[in-house]
Amino acid sequence: MNKTNQLKSAELPQDMLLKFEKLKEILKEMGKVLIAFSGGVDSTFLLKVAQDVLGENVLAVIASSETYPEREREEALRLAQMLKVRYLVIHTEELGNPDFSSNPPERCYFCKMELFSKLKDIADDEDIPYVLDGSNYEDTTDFRPGIKAGEELKIRSPLKEAGFLKKEIRQLSKELDLPTWDKPSLACLSSRFPYFSEIDSNSLKQIDKAEEFLRGLGFKQIRVRHHGQTARIEIELGEFPKIIESRIREDIVKNFKKFGYTYITVDLAGYRTGSMNEPLDLGKKHKP
């Protein structure tokens, strides 16, 4: 085991340092772990600390799926190689499950059951007692049916157990020289569809092309919400002046039409996580 998890700054808040120590203790007690690794802020931080604490007793598993952009899988591979951790790449097939592709509010439950079930099988084959994900404490505040799948399959979430908030994970990631410390928040492409609208491979590719084009223009935190022929663009409020510049606006309209959209809109509320949950009355199961 190496000792590279020493923090550089002596001025970090005490409660953050206590959480960091608690996380290391949780991992040390586990002894050997498999981590669901997406290459995002949370799972990269968790993988880094786990590798520092447990050394070779860590296996990262990267899931390849139509619901995630190819560039994210490639980035996860680069990060796993950078951290010099043992890793596997698997393919998940949630689109083949009509309970998922019909896109009910519980969609994430079926997605996580597909993923976590495969991870449990790998862990059993490798004699690894614990399967971990990168959920943090804030993930308990939103509507996340996937958490139920994790609970049913006894998936551990050490970042949540240690009480980590997203901003703390970012700050400690920066301290540990992780390139993901300021990476935009990720979510699978299926989160771009309104509930009860069918998720299909062609639409996923359409969304991916649209978001990749916006990134190429320099927009950082974005979502292209898919409403059939209409694209509803969510960006940070501070980037609104840029998107209405004549050249930028015309480029977006021209290219989004090439991708198959007829109408291209910008959501005046700006980017926010879970905007597709807004029409739901979470106490009832009805269509928005």
C-alpha atoms as a PDB file:
ATOM      1  CA  MET A   1       0.000   0.000   0.000  1.00  0.00           C
ATOM      2  CA  ASN A   2       1.235   3.484  -0.811  1.00  0.00           C
ATOM      3  CA  LYS A   3       0.973   6.628   1.231  1.00  0.00           C
ATOM      4  CA  THR A   4       0.046   9.113  -1.480  1.00  0.00           C
ATOM      5  CA  ASN A   5      -3.233  10.039   0.178  1.00  0.00           C
ATOM      6  CA  GLN A   6      -1.544  12.675   2.326  1.00  0.00           C
ATOM      7  CA  LEU A   7      -3.229  16.036   1.860  1.00  0.00           C
ATOM      8  CA  LYS A   8      -1.193  19.083   0.868  1.00  0.00           C
ATOM      9  CA  SER A   9      -3.161  21.790   2.656  1.00  0.00           C
ATOM     10  CA  ALA A  10      -3.009  22.297   6.409  1.00  0.00           C
ATOM     11  CA  GLU A  11      -6.019  24.624   6.325  1.00  0.00           C
ATOM     12  CA  LEU A  12      -8.822  22.258   5.416  1.00  0.00           C
ATOM     13  CA  PRO A  13     -11.914  22.336   7.654  1.00  0.00           C
ATOM     14  CA  GLN A  14     -11.665  19.944  10.578  1.00  0.00           C
ATOM     15  CA  ASP A  15     -14.988  18.250   9.812  1.00  0.00           C
ATOM     16  CA  MET A  16     -13.794  17.506   6.276  1.00  0.00           C
ATOM     17  CA  LEU A  17     -10.589  15.975   7.587  1.00  0.00           C
ATOM     18  CA  LEU A  18     -12.580  13.841  10.014  1.00  0.00           C
ATOM     19  CA  LYS A  19     -14.737  12.577   7.155  1.00  0.00           C
ATOM     20  CA  PHE A  20     -11.599  11.763   5.185  1.00  0.00           C
ATOM     21  CA  GLU A  21     -10.210   9.730   8.070  1.00  0.00           C
ATOM     22  CA  LYS A  22     -13.564   7.995   8.542  1.00  0.00           C
ATOM     23  CA  LEU A  23     -13.610   7.050   4.857  1.00  0.00           C
ATOM     24  CA  LYS A  24     -10.152   5.497   5.124  1.00  0.00           C
ATOM     25  CA  GLU A  25     -11.192   3.539   8.214  1.00  0.00           C
ATOM     26  CA  ILE A  26     -14.318   2.220   6.466  1.00  0.00           C
ATOM     27  CA  LEU A  27     -12.235   1.035   3.522  1.00  0.00           C
ATOM     28  CA  LYS A  28      -9.544  -0.455   5.736  1.00  0.00           C
ATOM     29  CA  GLU A  29     -12.151  -2.527   7.595  1.00  0.00           C
ATOM     30  CA  MET A  30     -13.492  -3.873   4.296  1.00  0.00           C
ATOM     31  CA  GLY A  31     -10.100  -5.228   3.264  1.00  0.00           C
ATOM     32  CA  LYS A  32     -10.938  -6.006  -0.362  1.00  0.00           C
ATOM     33  CA  VAL A  33     -13.407  -4.168  -2.621  1.00  0.00           C
ATOM     34  CA  LEU A  34     -14.894  -3.919  -6.099  1.00  0.00           C
ATOM     35  CA  ILE A  35     -15.801  -0.373  -7.136  1.00  0.00           C
ATOM     36  CA  ALA A  36     -18.354   0.604  -9.779  1.00  0.00           C
ATOM     37  CA  PHE A  37     -16.222   3.128 -11.650  1.00  0.00           C
ATOM     38  CA  SER A  38     -17.685   5.717 -14.009  1.00  0.00           C
ATOM     39  CA  GLY A  39     -14.800   8.169 -14.111  1.00  0.00           C
ATOM     40  CA  GLY A  40     -16.913  10.875 -12.480  1.00  0.00           C
ATOM     41  CA  VAL A  41     -15.946  13.093  -9.551  1.00  0.00           C
ATOM     42  CA  ASP A  42     -17.242  10.782  -6.835  1.00  0.00           C
ATOM     43  CA  SER A  43     -16.141   7.369  -8.070  1.00  0.00           C
ATOM     44  CA  THR A  44     -12.682   8.673  -9.014  1.00  0.00           C
ATOM     45  CA  PHE A  45     -12.159  10.095  -5.534  1.00  0.00           C
ATOM     46  CA  LEU A  46     -13.391   6.851  -3.968  1.00  0.00           C
ATOM     47  CA  LEU A  47     -11.150   4.741  -6.202  1.00  0.00           C
ATOM     48  CA  LYS A  48      -8.106   6.878  -5.437  1.00  0.00           C
ATOM     49  CA  VAL A  49      -8.563   6.650  -1.661  1.00  0.00           C
ATOM     50  CA  ALA A  50      -9.393   2.934  -1.815  1.00  0.00           C
ATOM     51  CA  GLN A  51      -6.262   2.235  -3.827  1.00  0.00           C
ATOM     52  CA  ASP A  52      -4.154   4.232  -1.370  1.00  0.00           C
ATOM     53  CA  VAL A  53      -5.629   2.341   1.585  1.00  0.00           C
ATOM     54  CA  LEU A  54      -5.979  -1.149   0.123  1.00  0.00           C
ATOM     55  CA  GLY A  55      -3.395  -1.301  -2.653  1.00  0.00           C
ATOM     56  CA  GLU A  56      -3.880  -4.345  -4.889  1.00  0.00           C
ATOM     57  CA  ASN A  57      -7.075  -5.360  -3.075  1.00  0.00           C
ATOM     58  CA  VAL A  58      -9.134  -3.027  -5.291  1.00  0.00           C
ATOM     59  CA  LEU A  59     -10.865  -3.863  -8.558  1.00  0.00           C
ATOM     60  CA  ALA A  60     -12.510  -1.107 -10.632  1.00  0.00           C
ATOM     61  CA  VAL A  61     -15.278  -2.168 -13.009  1.00  0.00           C
ATOM     62  CA  ILE A  62     -16.220   0.149 -15.860  1.00  0.00           C
ATOM     63  CA  ALA A  63     -19.630  -0.387 -17.462  1.00  0.00           C
ATOM     64  CA  SER A  64     -20.056   0.222 -21.181  1.00  0.00           C
ATOM     65  CA  SER A  65     -23.609   0.992 -22.282  1.00  0.00           C
ATOM     66  CA  GLU A  66     -25.599   2.799 -24.959  1.00  0.00           C
ATOM     67  CA  THR A  67     -26.906   5.067 -22.223  1.00  0.00           C
ATOM     68  CA  TYR A  68     -23.446   6.525 -21.541  1.00  0.00           C
ATOM     69  CA  PRO A  69     -21.320   8.460 -24.059  1.00  0.00           C
ATOM     70  CA  GLU A  70     -18.332   6.589 -25.446  1.00  0.00           C
ATOM     71  CA  ARG A  71     -16.036   9.447 -24.398  1.00  0.00           C
ATOM     72  CA  GLU A  72     -16.946   8.808 -20.736  1.00  0.00           C
ATOM     73  CA  ARG A  73     -15.959   5.145 -20.994  1.00  0.00           C
ATOM     74  CA  GLU A  74     -12.661   6.157 -22.580  1.00  0.00           C
ATOM     75  CA  GLU A  75     -12.078   8.758 -19.866  1.00  0.00           C
ATOM     76  CA  ALA A  76     -12.765   6.157 -17.165  1.00  0.00           C
ATOM     77  CA  LEU A  77     -10.208   3.859 -18.811  1.00  0.00           C
ATOM     78  CA  ARG A  78      -7.600   6.630 -18.849  1.00  0.00           C
ATOM     79  CA  LEU A  79      -8.225   7.422 -15.191  1.00  0.00           C
ATOM     80  CA  ALA A  80      -7.992   3.775 -14.126  1.00  0.00           C
ATOM     81  CA  GLN A  81      -4.694   3.492 -15.988  1.00  0.00           C
ATOM     82  CA  MET A  82      -3.435   6.744 -14.473  1.00  0.00           C
ATOM     83  CA  LEU A  83      -4.235   5.452 -10.974  1.00  0.00           C
ATOM     84  CA  LYS A  84      -2.566   2.125 -11.854  1.00  0.00           C
ATOM     85  CA  VAL A  85      -5.487   0.156 -10.506  1.00  0.00           C
ATOM     86  CA  ARG A  86      -6.689  -3.208 -11.768  1.00  0.00           C
ATOM     87  CA  TYR A  87      -9.849  -2.824 -13.836  1.00  0.00           C
ATOM     88  CA  LEU A  88     -12.382  -4.666 -15.973  1.00  0.00           C
ATOM     89  CA  VAL A  89     -14.787  -3.377 -18.631  1.00  0.00           C
ATOM     90  CA  ILE A  90     -18.228  -4.951 -18.876  1.00  0.00           C
ATOM     91  CA  HIS A  91     -21.270  -4.287 -21.054  1.00  0.00           C
ATOM     92  CA  THR A  92     -24.721  -3.717 -19.592  1.00  0.00           C
ATOM     93  CA  GLU A  93     -27.907  -4.186 -21.598  1.00  0.00           C
ATOM     94  CA  GLU A  94     -30.576  -2.210 -19.796  1.00  0.00           C
ATOM     95  CA  LEU A  95     -32.223  -1.165 -23.098  1.00  0.00           C
ATOM     96  CA  GLY A  96     -33.260  -4.781 -23.554  1.00  0.00           C
ATOM     97  CA  ASN A  97     -35.430  -4.559 -20.446  1.00  0.00           C
ATOM     98  CA  PRO A  98     -38.855  -3.004 -21.213  1.00  0.00           C
ATOM     99  CA  ASP A  99     -39.163  -2.018 -17.559  1.00  0.00           C
ATOM    100  CA  PHE A 100     -36.245   0.323 -18.259  1.00  0.00           C
ATOM    101  CA  SER A 101     -36.816   1.378 -21.874  1.00  0.00           C
ATOM    102  CA  SER A 102     -40.472   2.329 -21.230  1.00  0.00           C
ATOM    103  CA  ASN A 103     -38.973   4.971 -18.908  1.00  0.00           C
ATOM    104  CA  PRO A 104     -41.143   4.893 -15.770  1.00  0.00           C
ATOM    105  CA  PRO A 105     -40.120   7.032 -12.774  1.00  0.00           C
ATOM    106  CA  GLU A 106     -38.476   3.891 -11.333  1.00  0.00           C
ATOM    107  CA  ARG A 107     -36.249   3.555 -14.426  1.00  0.00           C
ATOM    108  CA  CYS A 108     -33.002   3.921 -12.463  1.00  0.00           C
ATOM    109  CA  TYR A 109     -33.957   0.997 -10.244  1.00  0.00           C
ATOM    110  CA  PHE A 110     -33.932  -1.385 -13.219  1.00  0.00           C
ATOM    111  CA  CYS A 111     -30.700   0.114 -14.570  1.00  0.00           C
ATOM    112  CA  LYS A 112     -28.887  -0.300 -11.253  1.00  0.00           C
ATOM    113  CA  MET A 113     -30.238  -3.822 -10.781  1.00  0.00           C
ATOM    114  CA  GLU A 114     -28.703  -4.741 -14.150  1.00  0.00           C
ATOM    115  CA  LEU A 115     -25.365  -3.180 -13.221  1.00  0.00           C
ATOM    116  CA  PHE A 116     -25.122  -4.212  -9.581  1.00  0.00           C
ATOM    117  CA  SER A 117     -26.180  -7.801 -10.284  1.00  0.00           C
ATOM    118  CA  LYS A 118     -23.302  -8.163 -12.731  1.00  0.00           C
ATOM    119  CA  LEU A 119     -20.894  -6.553 -10.273  1.00  0.00           C
ATOM    120  CA  LYS A 120     -21.994  -8.946  -7.523  1.00  0.00           C
ATOM    121  CA  ASP A 121     -21.329 -11.914  -9.822  1.00  0.00           C
ATOM    122  CA  ILE A 122     -17.828 -10.609 -10.595  1.00  0.00           C
ATOM    123  CA  ALA A 123     -17.151  -9.994  -6.906  1.00  0.00           C
ATOM    124  CA  ASP A 124     -18.210 -13.547  -6.076  1.00  0.00           C
ATOM    125  CA  ASP A 125     -15.916 -14.942  -8.772  1.00  0.00           C
ATOM    126  CA  GLU A 126     -13.021 -12.823  -7.478  1.00  0.00           C
ATOM    127  CA  ASP A 127     -13.712 -13.601  -3.814  1.00  0.00           C
ATOM    128  CA  ILE A 128     -14.299  -9.898  -3.091  1.00  0.00           C
ATOM    129  CA  PRO A 129     -16.637  -9.365  -0.123  1.00  0.00           C
ATOM    130  CA  TYR A 130     -17.760  -5.791  -0.873  1.00  0.00           C
ATOM    131  CA  VAL A 131     -19.153  -3.998  -3.918  1.00  0.00           C
ATOM    132  CA  LEU A 132     -19.029  -0.197  -3.668  1.00  0.00           C
ATOM    133  CA  ASP A 133     -20.535   2.711  -5.536  1.00  0.00           C
ATOM    134  CA  GLY A 134     -19.724   6.422  -5.472  1.00  0.00           C
ATOM    135  CA  SER A 135     -22.976   7.762  -4.032  1.00  0.00           C
ATOM    136  CA  ASN A 136     -22.454  10.672  -1.667  1.00  0.00           C
ATOM    137  CA  TYR A 137     -24.562  12.040   1.177  1.00  0.00           C
ATOM    138  CA  GLU A 138     -26.386  14.539  -1.053  1.00  0.00           C
ATOM    139  CA  ASP A 139     -27.703  11.727  -3.234  1.00  0.00           C
ATOM    140  CA  THR A 140     -30.229  10.987  -0.493  1.00  0.00           C
ATOM    141  CA  THR A 141     -31.941  14.350  -1.061  1.00  0.00           C
ATOM    142  CA  ASP A 142     -33.169  13.719  -4.635  1.00  0.00           C
ATOM    143  CA  PHE A 143     -35.502  11.123  -6.131  1.00  0.00           C
ATOM    144  CA  ARG A 144     -33.078   8.259  -6.867  1.00  0.00           C
ATOM    145  CA  PRO A 145     -34.757   4.850  -7.274  1.00  0.00           C
ATOM    146  CA  GLY A 146     -31.363   3.294  -7.991  1.00  0.00           C
ATOM    147  CA  ILE A 147     -30.544   3.607  -4.297  1.00  0.00           C
ATOM    148  CA  LYS A 148     -33.207   0.981  -3.573  1.00  0.00           C
ATOM    149  CA  ALA A 149     -31.491  -1.473  -5.929  1.00  0.00           C
ATOM    150  CA  GLY A 150     -28.223  -0.875  -4.119  1.00  0.00           C
ATOM    151  CA  GLU A 151     -29.838  -1.486  -0.746  1.00  0.00           C
ATOM    152  CA  GLU A 152     -31.472  -4.716  -1.925  1.00  0.00           C
ATOM    153  CA  LEU A 153     -28.171  -6.066  -3.264  1.00  0.00           C
ATOM    154  CA  LYS A 154     -26.196  -4.803  -0.243  1.00  0.00           C
ATOM    155  CA  ILE A 155     -24.010  -2.393  -2.225  1.00  0.00           C
ATOM    156  CA  ARG A 156     -21.954  -0.159   0.080  1.00  0.00           C
ATOM    157  CA  SER A 157     -21.581   3.613  -0.432  1.00  0.00           C
ATOM    158  CA  PRO A 158     -18.566   4.683   1.672  1.00  0.00           C
ATOM    159  CA  LEU A 159     -18.745   8.349   0.642  1.00  0.00           C
ATOM    160  CA  LYS A 160     -22.330   8.494   1.855  1.00  0.00           C
ATOM    161  CA  GLU A 161     -21.462   6.560   5.016  1.00  0.00           C
ATOM    162  CA  ALA A 162     -18.694   9.067   5.788  1.00  0.00           C
ATOM    163  CA  GLY A 163     -21.109  11.978   5.228  1.00  0.00           C
ATOM    164  CA  PHE A 164     -19.339  13.545   2.238  1.00  0.00           C
ATOM    165  CA  LEU A 165     -20.960  16.415   0.348  1.00  0.00           C
ATOM    166  CA  LYS A 166     -20.145  16.993  -3.322  1.00  0.00           C
ATOM    167  CA  LYS A 167     -18.210  20.199  -2.707  1.00  0.00           C
ATOM    168  CA  GLU A 168     -16.045  18.399  -0.126  1.00  0.00           C
ATOM    169  CA  ILE A 169     -15.275  15.618  -2.576  1.00  0.00           C
ATOM    170  CA  ARG A 170     -14.267  18.204  -5.160  1.00  0.00           C
ATOM    171  CA  GLN A 171     -12.020  20.029  -2.689  1.00  0.00           C
ATOM    172  CA  LEU A 172     -10.284  16.871  -1.514  1.00  0.00           C
ATOM    173  CA  SER A 173      -9.951  15.664  -5.115  1.00  0.00           C
ATOM    174  CA  LYS A 174      -8.100  18.881  -5.887  1.00  0.00           C
ATOM    175  CA  GLU A 175      -5.862  18.291  -2.849  1.00  0.00           C
ATOM    176  CA  LEU A 176      -5.088  14.824  -4.189  1.00  0.00           C
ATOM    177  CA  ASP A 177      -4.285  16.184  -7.671  1.00  0.00           C
ATOM    178  CA  LEU A 178      -7.165  14.336  -9.321  1.00  0.00           C
ATOM    179  CA  PRO A 179      -8.059  15.817 -12.723  1.00  0.00           C
ATOM    180  CA  THR A 180     -11.745  15.213 -12.030  1.00  0.00           C
ATOM    181  CA  TRP A 181     -11.976  17.733  -9.172  1.00  0.00           C
ATOM    182  CA  ASP A 182     -13.818  20.274 -11.365  1.00  0.00           C
ATOM    183  CA  LYS A 183     -15.396  17.830 -13.821  1.00  0.00           C
ATOM    184  CA  PRO A 184     -19.053  18.603 -14.609  1.00  0.00           C
ATOM    185  CA  SER A 185     -21.660  16.382 -12.974  1.00  0.00           C
ATOM    186  CA  LEU A 186     -22.569  13.317 -14.998  1.00  0.00           C
ATOM    187  CA  ALA A 187     -25.816  11.440 -15.534  1.00  0.00           C
ATOM    188  CA  CYS A 188     -26.688   8.740 -18.019  1.00  0.00           C
ATOM    189  CA  LEU A 189     -28.287   9.879 -21.265  1.00  0.00           C
ATOM    190  CA  SER A 190     -31.588   8.228 -20.345  1.00  0.00           C
ATOM    191  CA  SER A 191     -32.111  11.057 -17.844  1.00  0.00           C
ATOM    192  CA  ARG A 192     -32.728  13.393 -20.821  1.00  0.00           C
ATOM    193  CA  PHE A 193     -36.115  11.818 -21.623  1.00  0.00           C
ATOM    194  CA  PRO A 194     -39.423  12.829 -20.008  1.00  0.00           C
ATOM    195  CA  TYR A 195     -40.851   9.950 -18.008  1.00  0.00           C
ATOM    196  CA  PHE A 196     -43.010   7.501 -19.980  1.00  0.00           C
ATOM    197  CA  SER A 197     -41.414   8.431 -23.318  1.00  0.00           C
ATOM    198  CA  GLU A 198     -39.627   5.460 -24.865  1.00  0.00           C
ATOM    199  CA  ILE A 199     -35.834   5.323 -24.597  1.00  0.00           C
ATOM    200  CA  ASP A 200     -34.301   4.024 -27.821  1.00  0.00           C
ATOM    201  CA  SER A 201     -30.831   3.725 -29.276  1.00  0.00           C
ATOM    202  CA  ASN A 202     -31.297   6.298 -32.054  1.00  0.00           C
ATOM    203  CA  SER A 203     -32.533   8.990 -29.685  1.00  0.00           C
ATOM    204  CA  LEU A 204     -29.635   8.313 -27.308  1.00  0.00           C
ATOM    205  CA  LYS A 205     -27.199   8.859 -30.186  1.00  0.00           C
ATOM    206  CA  GLN A 206     -29.046  12.033 -31.170  1.00  0.00           C
ATOM    207  CA  ILE A 207     -28.730  13.449 -27.648  1.00  0.00           C
ATOM    208  CA  ASP A 208     -25.068  12.468 -27.451  1.00  0.00           C
ATOM    209  CA  LYS A 209     -24.269  14.270 -30.718  1.00  0.00           C
ATOM    210  CA  ALA A 210     -26.091  17.399 -29.558  1.00  0.00           C
ATOM    211  CA  GLU A 211     -24.330  17.528 -26.188  1.00  0.00           C
ATOM    212  CA  GLU A 212     -20.951  16.807 -27.743  1.00  0.00           C
ATOM    213  CA  PHE A 213     -21.487  19.693 -30.146  1.00  0.00           C
ATOM    214  CA  LEU A 214     -22.255  22.078 -27.268  1.00  0.00           C
ATOM    215  CA  ARG A 215     -19.113  20.938 -25.440  1.00  0.00           C
ATOM    216  CA  GLY A 216     -17.140  21.664 -28.586  1.00  0.00           C
ATOM    217  CA  LEU A 217     -18.425  25.248 -28.409  1.00  0.00           C
ATOM    218  CA  GLY A 218     -17.034  25.526 -24.886  1.00  0.00           C
ATOM    219  CA  PHE A 219     -20.187  25.022 -22.806  1.00  0.00           C
ATOM    220  CA  LYS A 220     -19.282  23.059 -19.691  1.00  0.00           C
ATOM    221  CA  GLN A 221     -22.261  21.910 -17.588  1.00  0.00           C
ATOM    222  CA  ILE A 222     -25.018  21.037 -20.046  1.00  0.00           C
ATOM    223  CA  ARG A 223     -28.035  18.852 -20.631  1.00  0.00           C
ATOM    224  CA  VAL A 224     -30.012  18.419 -23.839  1.00  0.00           C
ATOM    225  CA  ARG A 225     -33.452  17.299 -22.707  1.00  0.00           C
ATOM    226  CA  HIS A 226     -35.133  15.278 -25.448  1.00  0.00           C
ATOM    227  CA  HIS A 227     -38.803  16.065 -26.130  1.00  0.00           C
ATOM    228  CA  GLY A 228     -39.304  14.290 -29.443  1.00  0.00           C
ATOM    229  CA  GLN A 229     -38.641  16.883 -32.171  1.00  0.00           C
ATOM    230  CA  THR A 230     -37.746  19.500 -29.552  1.00  0.00           C
ATOM    231  CA  ALA A 231     -34.382  19.895 -27.827  1.00  0.00           C
ATOM    232  CA  ARG A 232     -34.512  21.776 -24.519  1.00  0.00           C
ATOM    233  CA  ILE A 233     -31.012  22.987 -23.687  1.00  0.00           C
ATOM    234  CA  GLU A 234     -29.991  23.494 -20.063  1.00  0.00           C
ATOM    235  CA  ILE A 235     -26.775  25.429 -19.406  1.00  0.00           C
ATOM    236  CA  GLU A 236     -25.376  27.404 -16.496  1.00  0.00           C
ATOM    237  CA  LEU A 237     -27.007  30.834 -16.131  1.00  0.00           C
ATOM    238  CA  GLY A 238     -23.646  32.544 -16.518  1.00  0.00           C
ATOM    239  CA  GLU A 239     -23.345  31.149 -20.054  1.00  0.00           C
ATOM    240  CA  PHE A 240     -26.630  32.612 -21.328  1.00  0.00           C
ATOM    241  CA  PRO A 241     -24.936  35.632 -22.980  1.00  0.00           C
ATOM    242  CA  LYS A 242     -22.749  33.258 -24.977  1.00  0.00           C
ATOM    243  CA  ILE A 243     -25.537  31.051 -26.300  1.00  0.00           C
ATOM    244  CA  ILE A 244     -27.475  33.999 -27.733  1.00  0.00           C
ATOM    245  CA  GLU A 245     -24.492  35.394 -29.634  1.00  0.00           C
ATOM    246  CA  SER A 246     -25.522  35.363 -33.287  1.00  0.00           C
ATOM    247  CA  ARG A 247     -22.785  33.053 -34.530  1.00  0.00           C
ATOM    248  CA  ILE A 248     -23.140  30.579 -31.641  1.00  0.00           C
ATOM    249  CA  ARG A 249     -26.936  30.554 -31.830  1.00  0.00           C
ATOM    250  CA  GLU A 250     -26.934  30.022 -35.596  1.00  0.00           C
ATOM    251  CA  ASP A 251     -24.378  27.183 -35.311  1.00  0.00           C
ATOM    252  CA  ILE A 252     -26.487  25.434 -32.679  1.00  0.00           C
ATOM    253  CA  VAL A 253     -29.690  25.719 -34.698  1.00  0.00           C
ATOM    254  CA  LYS A 254     -28.032  24.520 -37.926  1.00  0.00           C
ATOM    255  CA  ASN A 255     -26.321  21.536 -36.345  1.00  0.00           C
ATOM    256  CA  PHE A 256     -29.189  20.482 -34.065  1.00  0.00           C
ATOM    257  CA  LYS A 257     -31.408  20.350 -37.142  1.00  0.00           C
ATOM    258  CA  LYS A 258     -28.827  18.060 -38.754  1.00  0.00           C
ATOM    259  CA  PHE A 259     -29.042  15.845 -35.671  1.00  0.00           C
ATOM    260  CA  GLY A 260     -32.813  15.539 -36.199  1.00  0.00           C
ATOM    261  CA  TYR A 261     -34.344  18.250 -34.023  1.00  0.00           C
ATOM    262  CA  THR A 262     -36.999  20.554 -35.484  1.00  0.00           C
ATOM    263  CA  TYR A 263     -37.271  22.943 -32.556  1.00  0.00           C
ATOM    264  CA  ILE A 264     -34.331  24.108 -30.435  1.00  0.00           C
ATOM    265  CA  THR A 265     -35.023  25.870 -27.142  1.00  0.00           C
ATOM    266  CA  VAL A 266     -33.069  27.134 -24.131  1.00  0.00           C
ATOM    267  CA  ASP A 267     -34.542  26.526 -20.669  1.00  0.00           C
ATOM    268  CA  LEU A 268     -34.632  29.917 -18.916  1.00  0.00           C
ATOM    269  CA  ALA A 269     -34.299  28.226 -15.515  1.00  0.00           C
ATOM    270  CA  GLY A 270     -30.840  27.024 -16.549  1.00  0.00           C
ATOM    271  CA  TYR A 271     -29.059  23.792 -15.707  1.00  0.00           C
ATOM    272  CA  ARG A 272     -30.189  21.882 -12.626  1.00  0.00           C
ATOM    273  CA  THR A 273     -29.974  18.239 -11.650  1.00  0.00           C
ATOM    274  CA  GLY A 274     -33.114  16.137 -11.846  1.00  0.00           C
ATOM    275  CA  SER A 275     -35.196  18.580 -13.863  1.00  0.00           C
ATOM    276  CA  MET A 276     -37.159  15.661 -15.338  1.00  0.00           C
ATOM    277  CA  ASN A 277     -38.389  14.918 -11.803  1.00  0.00           C
ATOM    278  CA  GLU A 278     -40.093  18.307 -11.531  1.00  0.00           C
ATOM    279  CA  PRO A 279     -43.456  17.212 -13.026  1.00  0.00           C
ATOM    280  CA  LEU A 280     -43.701  14.250 -10.675  1.00  0.00           C
ATOM    281  CA  ASP A 281     -45.765  14.045  -7.554  1.00  0.00           C
ATOM    282  CA  LEU A 282     -43.394  11.616  -5.892  1.00  0.00           C
ATOM    283  CA  GLY A 283     -46.133  10.397  -3.575  1.00  0.00           C
ATOM    284  CA  LYS A 284     -48.161   9.070  -6.503  1.00  0.00           C
ATOM    285  CA  LYS A 285     -47.483   6.962  -9.565  1.00  0.00           C
ATOM    286  CA  HIS A 286     -48.975   8.914 -12.426  1.00  0.00           C
ATOM    287  CA  LYS A 287     -47.860  10.346 -15.700  1.00  0.00           C
ATOM    288  CA  PRO A 288     -46.511  13.909 -15.604  1.00  0.00           C
END
